[in-house]
Amino acid sequence: MQRREYIKKSVAVLSLSPLLSTSLFSMENKKMITRSIPSSGEQLPVVGVGTWQTFDVGSSSSDREPLKKVLKILLDQGGSVIDSSPMYGKSEGVVGDLAREMGIAQKLFMATKVWTSGKENGMDQMNQSMNLMHKKPIDLMQIHNLVDWKTHLKTIRQWKEEGKIRYIGITHYTDSAYDEMIQILQNEPLDFIQIDYSISNINADNRLLPLAKDKGVATLINRPYDGGSLFRKTKGMNIPNWAKEFGIQSWGQFFLKYILANDAVNCVIPGTDKPEHMLDNVGAGIGRIPGREDARKMKDWFDNV
């Protein structure tokens, strides 16, 4: 089934149920797979949601109602991870407002970032983020794109000891930062890294993901659809029949399950503001996950399209 066809069926389900019953196809009565955060043993659901552009909206109900549905679907299917940043416009505040309105703040695993230079600026920004998101302690504070990371890491470590945050991490979205991230991983204790990784860009699996696994550092994956290029490449094509063995019903699930086949990955966080896309995404975290050999088959097939 192509993503468009799957989404059409998802939309039909949504339109029939004002309560957003997400017992959809093979997802009925199933909950999302979780993986352990190495530094604590806490279980983290394997599919979350990113908020870049998608949650940067106004206060009108027409802007925010779809996002409420996105969050409800995420939670209903056993997910919890939502990732934001001060870089993402109004996104942190929108996440916080919706979570408070829906009474779900404590059910969400809220991750955000510090994205500025200087100790005082960093402290001010992190305090503002926690206030906007209405979550104290914040679950995960990350240093966005390694900006002034040496300064912020000291503050974040202290705040973790004081109970203001639960986990610390670093992020980037380009391969060019991998060498620096590897150096940091080798020398600094972290709970998380967040990086780009997809079926069309597997460079992180050469050194960075294996190192994170060896160091006991959890990973969040951004840009899992490579900016949407994966859907453009497979437009009009059918999913191979053998992929359905893993419960894959759309190209989105094919691409996410490929990533989750890597056991160094804890959670993928595709961004969306569309409930039907959220339904599609969470389906990748339910049912059988491909093994490494299966993933190689998926990769070979994709490369030969």
Foldseek 3Di string as FASTA:
>chain_A
DALVVLLVVQVVQCVVDVVLDLCDDPLHPFAFDWDAQQVPRDTAGAAAAEPAVQQQDDDDCVNQVLQLLLVVLCVVRPHAEYEEEVVRHCRLLSQQVSCVVVVCLVVHQYEYEFEDDDQVSRVVRVVVSCVSNVDFLHAEYEHEQCHNVVNVVVVVVVCCVVRSYPFYEYEDEDPVCQVVVLVCLVPDDGREYEYEDWLVDHVCVPPPLVSCVVSSHAYEYECHCVVVVLCVLQPPHDDDPVVCVQVQDYVLLLTSLLVVLPVSHRYYHYHHSGSSVSSNNSSSRTGHRDHPVVSVVSSVVSVVD
